Amino acid sequence: MTTKSENITTVEKPGSVHVIVNPAPSRRIPLLAILNQAFRDAGIHWDISITHGTGDGSDLARKAVEGGASVVAVYGGDGTVMEVAAGLIGTDIPLLILGGGTGNLVASELRLPTQLERACDLVCRESFLTRRIDVGMMGERPFLLRIGCGIEVGVVQKATRELKDQLGKLAYVKAGIEQLLEELLDVPEVEYEIILDGKETIRGNGVACVVANAGTVGVGRLTLSRSVDVTDGRLDVFFLKKANLEAIGQIVSRLTGLDQIATKFTGLDWLRRDGEPVLDESKAVSQWTVETVEIRTNPVLDIQVDGDVVAKTPQLIRVLPAALRVVVPE
């Protein structure tokens, strides 16, 4: 039996789970033993596939659906999560996220367990919950978190695989500080043309533009903005207009969660609302909520999508409301 309340659905325990694993970022844990014990003890048939390269996650997810999987699970970083999710968009098959990467930002956004055993347990009871979330689309490429050009691309490029293996989440902090210091020395301003919902056009010089489907930056409960909601059927556009110390500090802080470290370098003030840290708003950053946005720049800029630099401007970005079902805690 399935019951629904808004975008939350209660589903009976699955008969089968297909797990897709990216072995590259795997933590040193007995992965197969944990998966086998969790699903076997719950009486759930399970199978596993391994990714070997870009695009494998989507293909394997589609094959799992065709093979009759009740739930498709993914163990890997946010890039792998996005690939597997892409193969499930438009289906009714839930995605179980077993965070195995460095940032695990999608898992953080949905308040999912960080421990593998607890994540598996979400579907091992007599019933479990799923939630429909939005998916962003840049051209034909989906994303769950955000796309960005300008300063954010530099942070992503500096957070290399080797650095993430060494430092974990601190890799993004280190990369953010390095990028911040570089930009303080030479901040390139770019001509932006941002078209909101095909109606309003914003033109101006800036140093970064971010389009967010989810707000989390992966450090505690720090978010780009409290208004960003992965279930509201909208995207949030952030435009960093001014190349000054405060503005650069704010955008790098938002994208990396630099908290006290950013304050030390930039002198930014931090506020606490309802016991949670929130960045002080700056006039240098504009924000809009849209269904579609087109970004054009002069000169052409690289664009990162959920942590991978894979495209260039110009791009049209849109939202697919409630396009993906994910397993969530009670």
C-alpha atoms as a PDB file:
ATOM      1  CA  MET A   1       0.000   0.000   0.000  1.00  0.00           C
ATOM      2  CA  THR A   2       1.214   3.508  -0.826  1.00  0.00           C
ATOM      3  CA  THR A   3       0.032   6.657   0.928  1.00  0.00           C
ATOM      4  CA  LYS A   4       0.856  10.219  -0.076  1.00  0.00           C
ATOM      5  CA  SER A   5       1.119  13.508   1.790  1.00  0.00           C
ATOM      6  CA  GLU A   6       2.189  16.381  -0.456  1.00  0.00           C
ATOM      7  CA  ASN A   7       5.440  15.077  -2.010  1.00  0.00           C
ATOM      8  CA  ILE A   8       6.119  12.463   0.693  1.00  0.00           C
ATOM      9  CA  THR A   9       5.219   8.849  -0.124  1.00  0.00           C
ATOM     10  CA  THR A  10       5.162   5.789   2.155  1.00  0.00           C
ATOM     11  CA  VAL A  11       6.176   2.592   0.338  1.00  0.00           C
ATOM     12  CA  GLU A  12       6.316  -1.047   1.426  1.00  0.00           C
ATOM     13  CA  LYS A  13       9.737  -2.670   1.874  1.00  0.00           C
ATOM     14  CA  PRO A  14      11.291  -3.297  -1.554  1.00  0.00           C
ATOM     15  CA  GLY A  15      11.627  -6.762  -2.999  1.00  0.00           C
ATOM     16  CA  SER A  16      14.935  -5.927  -4.667  1.00  0.00           C
ATOM     17  CA  VAL A  17      17.666  -3.280  -4.496  1.00  0.00           C
ATOM     18  CA  HIS A  18      20.283  -2.690  -7.173  1.00  0.00           C
ATOM     19  CA  VAL A  19      23.397  -0.917  -5.859  1.00  0.00           C
ATOM     20  CA  ILE A  20      25.622   1.088  -8.231  1.00  0.00           C
ATOM     21  CA  VAL A  21      29.122   1.693  -6.851  1.00  0.00           C
ATOM     22  CA  ASN A  22      31.849   4.081  -7.937  1.00  0.00           C
ATOM     23  CA  PRO A  23      35.022   2.441  -6.558  1.00  0.00           C
ATOM     24  CA  ALA A  24      37.221   5.542  -6.969  1.00  0.00           C
ATOM     25  CA  PRO A  25      36.183   7.546  -3.878  1.00  0.00           C
ATOM     26  CA  SER A  26      35.299   4.547  -1.708  1.00  0.00           C
ATOM     27  CA  ARG A  27      36.195   4.749   1.939  1.00  0.00           C
ATOM     28  CA  ARG A  28      38.160   1.872   3.437  1.00  0.00           C
ATOM     29  CA  ILE A  29      35.208  -0.107   4.717  1.00  0.00           C
ATOM     30  CA  PRO A  30      33.985  -3.676   4.072  1.00  0.00           C
ATOM     31  CA  LEU A  31      31.413  -2.389   1.602  1.00  0.00           C
ATOM     32  CA  LEU A  32      30.101  -5.706   0.272  1.00  0.00           C
ATOM     33  CA  ALA A  33      29.851  -7.228   3.738  1.00  0.00           C
ATOM     34  CA  ILE A  34      27.837  -4.269   5.054  1.00  0.00           C
ATOM     35  CA  LEU A  35      25.489  -4.262   2.068  1.00  0.00           C
ATOM     36  CA  ASN A  36      24.996  -8.017   2.213  1.00  0.00           C
ATOM     37  CA  GLN A  37      24.247  -8.099   5.922  1.00  0.00           C
ATOM     38  CA  ALA A  38      21.812  -5.177   5.744  1.00  0.00           C
ATOM     39  CA  PHE A  39      19.773  -6.397   2.785  1.00  0.00           C
ATOM     40  CA  ARG A  40      20.025 -10.139   3.459  1.00  0.00           C
ATOM     41  CA  ASP A  41      18.861  -9.771   7.050  1.00  0.00           C
ATOM     42  CA  ALA A  42      15.898  -7.729   5.800  1.00  0.00           C
ATOM     43  CA  GLY A  43      14.960 -10.394   3.259  1.00  0.00           C
ATOM     44  CA  ILE A  44      15.713  -8.095   0.311  1.00  0.00           C
ATOM     45  CA  HIS A  45      17.291  -9.462  -2.863  1.00  0.00           C
ATOM     46  CA  TRP A  46      20.181  -7.236  -3.915  1.00  0.00           C
ATOM     47  CA  ASP A  47      22.638  -6.942  -6.760  1.00  0.00           C
ATOM     48  CA  ILE A  48      25.569  -4.669  -7.555  1.00  0.00           C
ATOM     49  CA  SER A  49      27.145  -2.914 -10.543  1.00  0.00           C
ATOM     50  CA  ILE A  50      30.466  -1.055 -10.720  1.00  0.00           C
ATOM     51  CA  THR A  51      31.059   2.148 -12.694  1.00  0.00           C
ATOM     52  CA  HIS A  52      34.214   2.355 -14.785  1.00  0.00           C
ATOM     53  CA  GLY A  53      33.921   5.751 -16.433  1.00  0.00           C
ATOM     54  CA  THR A  54      31.843   8.833 -17.129  1.00  0.00           C
ATOM     55  CA  GLY A  55      28.237   8.051 -18.016  1.00  0.00           C
ATOM     56  CA  ASP A  56      28.228   4.536 -16.570  1.00  0.00           C
ATOM     57  CA  GLY A  57      26.001   5.531 -13.658  1.00  0.00           C
ATOM     58  CA  SER A  58      23.126   6.607 -15.895  1.00  0.00           C
ATOM     59  CA  ASP A  59      23.373   3.521 -18.110  1.00  0.00           C
ATOM     60  CA  LEU A  60      23.506   1.161 -15.139  1.00  0.00           C
ATOM     61  CA  ALA A  61      20.512   2.863 -13.506  1.00  0.00           C
ATOM     62  CA  ARG A  62      18.428   2.462 -16.648  1.00  0.00           C
ATOM     63  CA  LYS A  63      19.424  -1.220 -16.906  1.00  0.00           C
ATOM     64  CA  ALA A  64      18.501  -1.747 -13.252  1.00  0.00           C
ATOM     65  CA  VAL A  65      15.046  -0.283 -13.885  1.00  0.00           C
ATOM     66  CA  GLU A  66      14.602  -2.473 -16.945  1.00  0.00           C
ATOM     67  CA  GLY A  67      15.677  -5.449 -14.833  1.00  0.00           C
ATOM     68  CA  GLY A  68      12.872  -4.835 -12.349  1.00  0.00           C
ATOM     69  CA  ALA A  69      14.714  -3.255  -9.409  1.00  0.00           C
ATOM     70  CA  SER A  70      12.332  -1.855  -6.786  1.00  0.00           C
ATOM     71  CA  VAL A  71      14.972   0.608  -5.550  1.00  0.00           C
ATOM     72  CA  VAL A  72      18.224   1.785  -7.138  1.00  0.00           C
ATOM     73  CA  ALA A  73      20.961   2.677  -4.659  1.00  0.00           C
ATOM     74  CA  VAL A  74      24.169   4.598  -5.331  1.00  0.00           C
ATOM     75  CA  TYR A  75      27.454   4.559  -3.423  1.00  0.00           C
ATOM     76  CA  GLY A  76      29.852   7.277  -4.540  1.00  0.00           C
ATOM     77  CA  GLY A  77      30.395  11.012  -4.644  1.00  0.00           C
ATOM     78  CA  ASP A  78      27.959  13.693  -5.752  1.00  0.00           C
ATOM     79  CA  GLY A  79      28.999  13.271  -9.393  1.00  0.00           C
ATOM     80  CA  THR A  80      28.078   9.584  -9.306  1.00  0.00           C
ATOM     81  CA  VAL A  81      24.839  10.345  -7.461  1.00  0.00           C
ATOM     82  CA  MET A  82      23.903  12.766 -10.240  1.00  0.00           C
ATOM     83  CA  GLU A  83      24.724  10.259 -12.963  1.00  0.00           C
ATOM     84  CA  VAL A  84      22.572   7.559 -11.374  1.00  0.00           C
ATOM     85  CA  ALA A  85      19.773  10.065 -10.716  1.00  0.00           C
ATOM     86  CA  ALA A  86      19.838  11.035 -14.403  1.00  0.00           C
ATOM     87  CA  GLY A  87      18.980   7.448 -15.292  1.00  0.00           C
ATOM     88  CA  LEU A  88      15.945   7.539 -12.972  1.00  0.00           C
ATOM     89  CA  ILE A  89      14.417  10.890 -13.988  1.00  0.00           C
ATOM     90  CA  GLY A  90      10.931  10.339 -15.316  1.00  0.00           C
ATOM     91  CA  THR A  91      10.620   6.900 -13.714  1.00  0.00           C
ATOM     92  CA  ASP A  92       8.863   6.082 -10.452  1.00  0.00           C
ATOM     93  CA  ILE A  93      11.824   4.113  -9.069  1.00  0.00           C
ATOM     94  CA  PRO A  94      13.228   5.572  -5.817  1.00  0.00           C
ATOM     95  CA  LEU A  95      16.902   6.465  -5.442  1.00  0.00           C
ATOM     96  CA  LEU A  96      18.662   5.391  -2.228  1.00  0.00           C
ATOM     97  CA  ILE A  97      21.771   7.525  -1.628  1.00  0.00           C
ATOM     98  CA  LEU A  98      24.594   5.785   0.256  1.00  0.00           C
ATOM     99  CA  GLY A  99      27.047   8.676   0.535  1.00  0.00           C
ATOM    100  CA  GLY A 100      30.493   7.373  -0.378  1.00  0.00           C
ATOM    101  CA  GLY A 101      32.174  10.555  -1.582  1.00  0.00           C
ATOM    102  CA  THR A 102      34.004  13.494  -0.064  1.00  0.00           C
ATOM    103  CA  GLY A 103      31.368  16.204   0.072  1.00  0.00           C
ATOM    104  CA  ASN A 104      28.142  14.135  -0.064  1.00  0.00           C
ATOM    105  CA  LEU A 105      26.228  17.386  -0.530  1.00  0.00           C
ATOM    106  CA  VAL A 106      23.075  15.778  -1.905  1.00  0.00           C
ATOM    107  CA  ALA A 107      22.921  13.536   1.163  1.00  0.00           C
ATOM    108  CA  SER A 108      23.470  16.579   3.394  1.00  0.00           C
ATOM    109  CA  GLU A 109      20.678  18.485   1.648  1.00  0.00           C
ATOM    110  CA  LEU A 110      18.229  15.655   2.359  1.00  0.00           C
ATOM    111  CA  ARG A 111      19.507  15.060   5.924  1.00  0.00           C
ATOM    112  CA  LEU A 112      20.450  11.476   5.075  1.00  0.00           C
ATOM    113  CA  PRO A 113      22.531   9.303   7.427  1.00  0.00           C
ATOM    114  CA  THR A 114      26.290   9.479   6.912  1.00  0.00           C
ATOM    115  CA  GLN A 115      26.897   5.949   8.208  1.00  0.00           C
ATOM    116  CA  LEU A 116      26.438   3.279   5.529  1.00  0.00           C
ATOM    117  CA  GLU A 117      24.591   0.838   7.802  1.00  0.00           C
ATOM    118  CA  ARG A 118      22.042   3.482   8.790  1.00  0.00           C
ATOM    119  CA  ALA A 119      21.564   4.574   5.167  1.00  0.00           C
ATOM    120  CA  CYS A 120      20.852   0.981   4.111  1.00  0.00           C
ATOM    121  CA  ASP A 121      18.427   0.607   7.013  1.00  0.00           C
ATOM    122  CA  LEU A 122      16.175   3.302   5.509  1.00  0.00           C
ATOM    123  CA  VAL A 123      14.670   0.685   3.138  1.00  0.00           C
ATOM    124  CA  CYS A 124      15.041  -2.374   5.363  1.00  0.00           C
ATOM    125  CA  ARG A 125      11.978  -1.789   7.512  1.00  0.00           C
ATOM    126  CA  GLU A 126       8.410  -2.819   6.699  1.00  0.00           C
ATOM    127  CA  SER A 127       7.918   0.539   4.960  1.00  0.00           C
ATOM    128  CA  PHE A 128      10.039   3.509   3.973  1.00  0.00           C
ATOM    129  CA  LEU A 129       9.568   7.109   2.868  1.00  0.00           C
ATOM    130  CA  THR A 130      10.331   8.721  -0.463  1.00  0.00           C
ATOM    131  CA  ARG A 131      10.275  12.389  -1.388  1.00  0.00           C
ATOM    132  CA  ARG A 132       9.992  13.963  -4.808  1.00  0.00           C
ATOM    133  CA  ILE A 133      12.661  16.602  -5.448  1.00  0.00           C
ATOM    134  CA  ASP A 134      13.366  18.999  -8.290  1.00  0.00           C
ATOM    135  CA  VAL A 135      16.093  18.498 -10.865  1.00  0.00           C
ATOM    136  CA  GLY A 136      17.886  21.294 -12.686  1.00  0.00           C
ATOM    137  CA  MET A 137      18.642  20.980 -16.397  1.00  0.00           C
ATOM    138  CA  MET A 138      21.425  22.773 -18.248  1.00  0.00           C
ATOM    139  CA  GLY A 139      20.689  21.985 -21.854  1.00  0.00           C
ATOM    140  CA  GLU A 140      20.236  18.216 -21.730  1.00  0.00           C
ATOM    141  CA  ARG A 141      22.488  17.748 -18.680  1.00  0.00           C
ATOM    142  CA  PRO A 142      20.695  17.355 -15.313  1.00  0.00           C
ATOM    143  CA  PHE A 143      22.006  18.578 -11.959  1.00  0.00           C
ATOM    144  CA  LEU A 144      20.855  18.235  -8.369  1.00  0.00           C
ATOM    145  CA  LEU A 145      23.007  20.833  -6.605  1.00  0.00           C
ATOM    146  CA  ARG A 146      24.069  23.830  -8.680  1.00  0.00           C
ATOM    147  CA  ILE A 147      25.903  25.134 -11.693  1.00  0.00           C
ATOM    148  CA  GLY A 148      28.304  28.042 -11.542  1.00  0.00           C
ATOM    149  CA  CYS A 149      30.758  30.118 -13.531  1.00  0.00           C
ATOM    150  CA  GLY A 150      33.432  32.556 -12.385  1.00  0.00           C
ATOM    151  CA  ILE A 151      35.093  32.162  -8.989  1.00  0.00           C
ATOM    152  CA  GLU A 152      33.374  28.857  -8.165  1.00  0.00           C
ATOM    153  CA  VAL A 153      35.034  27.104 -11.101  1.00  0.00           C
ATOM    154  CA  GLY A 154      38.443  27.933  -9.636  1.00  0.00           C
ATOM    155  CA  VAL A 155      37.459  26.397  -6.292  1.00  0.00           C
ATOM    156  CA  VAL A 156      36.233  23.205  -7.990  1.00  0.00           C
ATOM    157  CA  GLN A 157      39.394  22.885 -10.083  1.00  0.00           C
ATOM    158  CA  LYS A 158      41.661  23.322  -7.063  1.00  0.00           C
ATOM    159  CA  ALA A 159      39.835  20.637  -5.050  1.00  0.00           C
ATOM    160  CA  THR A 160      41.583  17.804  -6.908  1.00  0.00           C
ATOM    161  CA  ARG A 161      41.015  14.079  -6.357  1.00  0.00           C
ATOM    162  CA  GLU A 162      44.396  13.867  -4.596  1.00  0.00           C
ATOM    163  CA  LEU A 163      43.544  16.789  -2.305  1.00  0.00           C
ATOM    164  CA  LYS A 164      40.155  15.294  -1.441  1.00  0.00           C
ATOM    165  CA  ASP A 165      41.788  11.939  -0.658  1.00  0.00           C
ATOM    166  CA  GLN A 166      44.187  13.707   1.700  1.00  0.00           C
ATOM    167  CA  LEU A 167      41.900  16.214   3.395  1.00  0.00           C
ATOM    168  CA  GLY A 168      38.301  15.109   2.824  1.00  0.00           C
ATOM    169  CA  LYS A 169      35.861  18.027   3.074  1.00  0.00           C
ATOM    170  CA  LEU A 170      38.719  20.292   4.135  1.00  0.00           C
ATOM    171  CA  ALA A 171      39.922  20.085   0.512  1.00  0.00           C
ATOM    172  CA  TYR A 172      37.152  22.525  -0.439  1.00  0.00           C
ATOM    173  CA  VAL A 173      38.118  24.844   2.413  1.00  0.00           C
ATOM    174  CA  LYS A 174      41.769  24.842   1.344  1.00  0.00           C
ATOM    175  CA  ALA A 175      40.792  25.364  -2.297  1.00  0.00           C
ATOM    176  CA  GLY A 176      38.436  28.160  -1.318  1.00  0.00           C
ATOM    177  CA  ILE A 177      41.137  30.016   0.621  1.00  0.00           C
ATOM    178  CA  GLU A 178      43.642  29.658  -2.231  1.00  0.00           C
ATOM    179  CA  GLN A 179      41.112  30.890  -4.760  1.00  0.00           C
ATOM    180  CA  LEU A 180      40.107  33.766  -2.495  1.00  0.00           C
ATOM    181  CA  LEU A 181      43.705  34.936  -2.121  1.00  0.00           C
ATOM    182  CA  GLU A 182      44.324  34.679  -5.876  1.00  0.00           C
ATOM    183  CA  GLU A 183      41.206  36.682  -6.677  1.00  0.00           C
ATOM    184  CA  LEU A 184      42.204  39.390  -4.209  1.00  0.00           C
ATOM    185  CA  LEU A 185      45.313  39.952  -6.274  1.00  0.00           C
ATOM    186  CA  ASP A 186      43.653  39.923  -9.690  1.00  0.00           C
ATOM    187  CA  VAL A 187      39.849  39.876  -9.937  1.00  0.00           C
ATOM    188  CA  PRO A 188      38.629  39.525 -13.532  1.00  0.00           C
ATOM    189  CA  GLU A 189      35.276  41.189 -14.148  1.00  0.00           C
ATOM    190  CA  VAL A 190      33.178  39.712 -16.927  1.00  0.00           C
ATOM    191  CA  GLU A 191      30.217  41.136 -18.867  1.00  0.00           C
ATOM    192  CA  TYR A 192      27.125  39.133 -17.914  1.00  0.00           C
ATOM    193  CA  GLU A 193      23.708  38.992 -19.534  1.00  0.00           C
ATOM    194  CA  ILE A 194      21.232  37.061 -17.382  1.00  0.00           C
ATOM    195  CA  ILE A 195      17.727  36.452 -18.751  1.00  0.00           C
ATOM    196  CA  LEU A 196      15.185  35.520 -16.062  1.00  0.00           C
ATOM    197  CA  ASP A 197      12.187  33.397 -17.140  1.00  0.00           C
ATOM    198  CA  GLY A 198      12.581  34.745 -20.674  1.00  0.00           C
ATOM    199  CA  LYS A 199      11.248  38.143 -19.570  1.00  0.00           C
ATOM    200  CA  GLU A 200      13.673  40.213 -17.506  1.00  0.00           C
ATOM    201  CA  THR A 201      17.260  40.795 -18.640  1.00  0.00           C
ATOM    202  CA  ILE A 202      20.008  41.714 -16.192  1.00  0.00           C
ATOM    203  CA  ARG A 203      23.220  43.153 -17.626  1.00  0.00           C
ATOM    204  CA  GLY A 204      26.341  44.072 -15.720  1.00  0.00           C
ATOM    205  CA  ASN A 205      29.921  43.288 -14.845  1.00  0.00           C
ATOM    206  CA  GLY A 206      30.464  40.533 -12.299  1.00  0.00           C
ATOM    207  CA  VAL A 207      32.830  37.861 -11.061  1.00  0.00           C
ATOM    208  CA  ALA A 208      30.477  34.898 -10.518  1.00  0.00           C
ATOM    209  CA  CYS A 209      27.019  33.530 -11.269  1.00  0.00           C
ATOM    210  CA  VAL A 210      25.496  30.499  -9.561  1.00  0.00           C
ATOM    211  CA  VAL A 211      22.202  28.716 -10.282  1.00  0.00           C
ATOM    212  CA  ALA A 212      21.169  26.563  -7.314  1.00  0.00           C
ATOM    213  CA  ASN A 213      18.638  23.763  -7.057  1.00  0.00           C
ATOM    214  CA  ALA A 214      19.837  22.860  -3.546  1.00  0.00           C
ATOM    215  CA  GLY A 215      21.294  25.214  -0.965  1.00  0.00           C
ATOM    216  CA  THR A 216      23.684  23.142   1.125  1.00  0.00           C
ATOM    217  CA  VAL A 217      27.446  23.747   1.010  1.00  0.00           C
ATOM    218  CA  GLY A 218      28.228  20.589   3.012  1.00  0.00           C
ATOM    219  CA  VAL A 219      29.486  22.174   6.250  1.00  0.00           C
ATOM    220  CA  GLY A 220      27.016  21.765   9.098  1.00  0.00           C
ATOM    221  CA  ARG A 221      23.734  23.434   8.174  1.00  0.00           C
ATOM    222  CA  LEU A 222      25.323  26.299   6.299  1.00  0.00           C
ATOM    223  CA  THR A 223      23.471  27.110   3.071  1.00  0.00           C
ATOM    224  CA  LEU A 224      23.747  29.530   0.179  1.00  0.00           C
ATOM    225  CA  SER A 225      20.429  30.993   1.312  1.00  0.00           C
ATOM    226  CA  ARG A 226      17.533  29.831   3.469  1.00  0.00           C
ATOM    227  CA  SER A 227      15.187  30.448   0.556  1.00  0.00           C
ATOM    228  CA  VAL A 228      16.742  27.728  -1.633  1.00  0.00           C
ATOM    229  CA  ASP A 229      14.412  24.709  -1.564  1.00  0.00           C
ATOM    230  CA  VAL A 230      14.926  21.509  -3.532  1.00  0.00           C
ATOM    231  CA  THR A 231      11.155  20.904  -3.623  1.00  0.00           C
ATOM    232  CA  ASP A 232       9.755  24.342  -4.552  1.00  0.00           C
ATOM    233  CA  GLY A 233       9.763  23.839  -8.329  1.00  0.00           C
ATOM    234  CA  ARG A 234      12.142  26.783  -8.770  1.00  0.00           C
ATOM    235  CA  LEU A 235      15.840  27.591  -9.141  1.00  0.00           C
ATOM    236  CA  ASP A 236      17.743  30.339  -7.326  1.00  0.00           C
ATOM    237  CA  VAL A 237      20.138  32.582  -9.257  1.00  0.00           C
ATOM    238  CA  PHE A 238      22.991  34.340  -7.413  1.00  0.00           C
ATOM    239  CA  PHE A 239      24.982  37.050  -9.219  1.00  0.00           C
ATOM    240  CA  LEU A 240      28.142  38.475  -7.670  1.00  0.00           C
ATOM    241  CA  LYS A 241      28.395  41.930  -9.213  1.00  0.00           C
ATOM    242  CA  LYS A 242      31.248  43.700  -7.472  1.00  0.00           C
ATOM    243  CA  ALA A 243      34.863  42.609  -7.396  1.00  0.00           C
ATOM    244  CA  ASN A 244      35.736  43.785  -3.909  1.00  0.00           C
ATOM    245  CA  LEU A 245      37.041  42.151  -0.762  1.00  0.00           C
ATOM    246  CA  GLU A 246      33.671  41.715   0.939  1.00  0.00           C
ATOM    247  CA  ALA A 247      31.938  40.360  -2.168  1.00  0.00           C
ATOM    248  CA  ILE A 248      34.643  37.824  -2.981  1.00  0.00           C
ATOM    249  CA  GLY A 249      34.803  36.701   0.623  1.00  0.00           C
ATOM    250  CA  GLN A 250      31.054  36.224   0.712  1.00  0.00           C
ATOM    251  CA  ILE A 251      30.723  34.142  -2.435  1.00  0.00           C
ATOM    252  CA  VAL A 252      33.710  31.917  -1.619  1.00  0.00           C
ATOM    253  CA  SER A 253      32.408  31.535   1.930  1.00  0.00           C
ATOM    254  CA  ARG A 254      28.962  30.531   0.669  1.00  0.00           C
ATOM    255  CA  LEU A 255      30.345  28.013  -1.787  1.00  0.00           C
ATOM    256  CA  THR A 256      32.823  26.385   0.608  1.00  0.00           C
ATOM    257  CA  GLY A 257      31.520  27.022   4.129  1.00  0.00           C
ATOM    258  CA  LEU A 258      34.592  28.904   5.301  1.00  0.00           C
ATOM    259  CA  ASP A 259      32.948  30.307   8.465  1.00  0.00           C
ATOM    260  CA  GLN A 260      35.625  31.507  10.905  1.00  0.00           C
ATOM    261  CA  ILE A 261      38.427  31.090   8.344  1.00  0.00           C
ATOM    262  CA  ALA A 262      36.698  33.398   5.865  1.00  0.00           C
ATOM    263  CA  THR A 263      36.051  35.906   8.633  1.00  0.00           C
ATOM    264  CA  LYS A 264      39.747  36.014   9.457  1.00  0.00           C
ATOM    265  CA  PHE A 265      40.688  36.857   5.866  1.00  0.00           C
ATOM    266  CA  THR A 266      37.775  39.117   4.910  1.00  0.00           C
ATOM    267  CA  GLY A 267      36.425  40.689   8.062  1.00  0.00           C
ATOM    268  CA  LEU A 268      32.899  39.476   7.212  1.00  0.00           C
ATOM    269  CA  ASP A 269      30.328  39.586  10.011  1.00  0.00           C
ATOM    270  CA  TRP A 270      28.425  36.417  10.825  1.00  0.00           C
ATOM    271  CA  LEU A 271      24.937  36.277  12.313  1.00  0.00           C
ATOM    272  CA  ARG A 272      23.101  33.517  14.104  1.00  0.00           C
ATOM    273  CA  ARG A 273      19.381  33.066  13.528  1.00  0.00           C
ATOM    274  CA  ASP A 274      17.477  30.354  15.342  1.00  0.00           C
ATOM    275  CA  GLY A 275      20.770  28.929  16.541  1.00  0.00           C
ATOM    276  CA  GLU A 276      22.148  28.343  13.024  1.00  0.00           C
ATOM    277  CA  PRO A 277      24.940  30.248  11.272  1.00  0.00           C
ATOM    278  CA  VAL A 278      23.842  32.488   8.413  1.00  0.00           C
ATOM    279  CA  LEU A 279      26.009  34.756   6.297  1.00  0.00           C
ATOM    280  CA  ASP A 280      25.342  38.466   6.447  1.00  0.00           C
ATOM    281  CA  GLU A 281      23.731  39.584   3.202  1.00  0.00           C
ATOM    282  CA  SER A 282      25.766  41.871   0.967  1.00  0.00           C
ATOM    283  CA  LYS A 283      24.527  44.319  -1.610  1.00  0.00           C
ATOM    284  CA  ALA A 284      27.203  42.910  -3.887  1.00  0.00           C
ATOM    285  CA  VAL A 285      25.169  39.698  -4.352  1.00  0.00           C
ATOM    286  CA  SER A 286      21.791  39.720  -6.124  1.00  0.00           C
ATOM    287  CA  GLN A 287      19.377  36.784  -5.935  1.00  0.00           C
ATOM    288  CA  TRP A 288      16.347  35.829  -8.021  1.00  0.00           C
ATOM    289  CA  THR A 289      14.024  32.806  -7.999  1.00  0.00           C
ATOM    290  CA  VAL A 290      13.132  31.497 -11.453  1.00  0.00           C
ATOM    291  CA  GLU A 291      11.938  28.562 -13.530  1.00  0.00           C
ATOM    292  CA  THR A 292      14.400  29.275 -16.353  1.00  0.00           C
ATOM    293  CA  VAL A 293      17.518  31.389 -16.686  1.00  0.00           C
ATOM    294  CA  GLU A 294      19.843  32.008 -19.604  1.00  0.00           C
ATOM    295  CA  ILE A 295      23.435  33.025 -18.877  1.00  0.00           C
ATOM    296  CA  ARG A 296      25.631  34.741 -21.466  1.00  0.00           C
ATOM    297  CA  THR A 297      29.103  36.136 -20.827  1.00  0.00           C
ATOM    298  CA  ASN A 298      31.817  38.072 -22.589  1.00  0.00           C
ATOM    299  CA  PRO A 299      34.335  36.485 -22.666  1.00  0.00           C
ATOM    300  CA  VAL A 300      33.126  32.876 -22.665  1.00  0.00           C
ATOM    301  CA  LEU A 301      33.504  31.171 -19.265  1.00  0.00           C
ATOM    302  CA  ASP A 302      33.814  27.583 -18.053  1.00  0.00           C
ATOM    303  CA  ILE A 303      30.837  26.216 -16.117  1.00  0.00           C
ATOM    304  CA  GLN A 304      30.934  23.638 -13.321  1.00  0.00           C
ATOM    305  CA  VAL A 305      27.992  21.282 -12.857  1.00  0.00           C
ATOM    306  CA  ASP A 306      27.715  19.532  -9.483  1.00  0.00           C
ATOM    307  CA  GLY A 307      31.481  19.685  -9.020  1.00  0.00           C
ATOM    308  CA  ASP A 308      32.644  18.904 -12.568  1.00  0.00           C
ATOM    309  CA  VAL A 309      33.772  21.533 -15.085  1.00  0.00           C
ATOM    310  CA  VAL A 310      31.991  20.295 -18.204  1.00  0.00           C
ATOM    311  CA  ALA A 311      30.550  23.205 -20.211  1.00  0.00           C
ATOM    312  CA  LYS A 312      30.935  26.815 -21.286  1.00  0.00           C
ATOM    313  CA  THR A 313      28.663  29.834 -21.557  1.00  0.00           C
ATOM    314  CA  PRO A 314      26.137  30.601 -22.988  1.00  0.00           C
ATOM    315  CA  GLN A 315      23.681  28.142 -21.414  1.00  0.00           C
ATOM    316  CA  LEU A 316      19.946  27.867 -20.817  1.00  0.00           C
ATOM    317  CA  ILE A 317      19.074  26.388 -17.409  1.00  0.00           C
ATOM    318  CA  ARG A 318      15.599  25.208 -16.399  1.00  0.00           C
ATOM    319  CA  VAL A 319      13.946  23.241 -13.600  1.00  0.00           C
ATOM    320  CA  LEU A 320      12.121  19.919 -13.772  1.00  0.00           C
ATOM    321  CA  PRO A 321       9.777  20.043 -10.758  1.00  0.00           C
ATOM    322  CA  ALA A 322       9.430  16.887  -8.639  1.00  0.00           C
ATOM    323  CA  ALA A 323      11.273  14.871 -11.300  1.00  0.00           C
ATOM    324  CA  LEU A 324      13.140  12.473  -8.988  1.00  0.00           C
ATOM    325  CA  ARG A 325      12.044  10.212  -6.136  1.00  0.00           C
ATOM    326  CA  VAL A 326      14.593   9.779  -3.339  1.00  0.00           C
ATOM    327  CA  VAL A 327      14.517   7.706  -0.164  1.00  0.00           C
ATOM    328  CA  VAL A 328      14.472   9.951   2.923  1.00  0.00           C
ATOM    329  CA  PRO A 329      14.476   9.459   6.719  1.00  0.00           C
ATOM    330  CA  GLU A 330      11.280   9.653   8.755  1.00  0.00           C
END
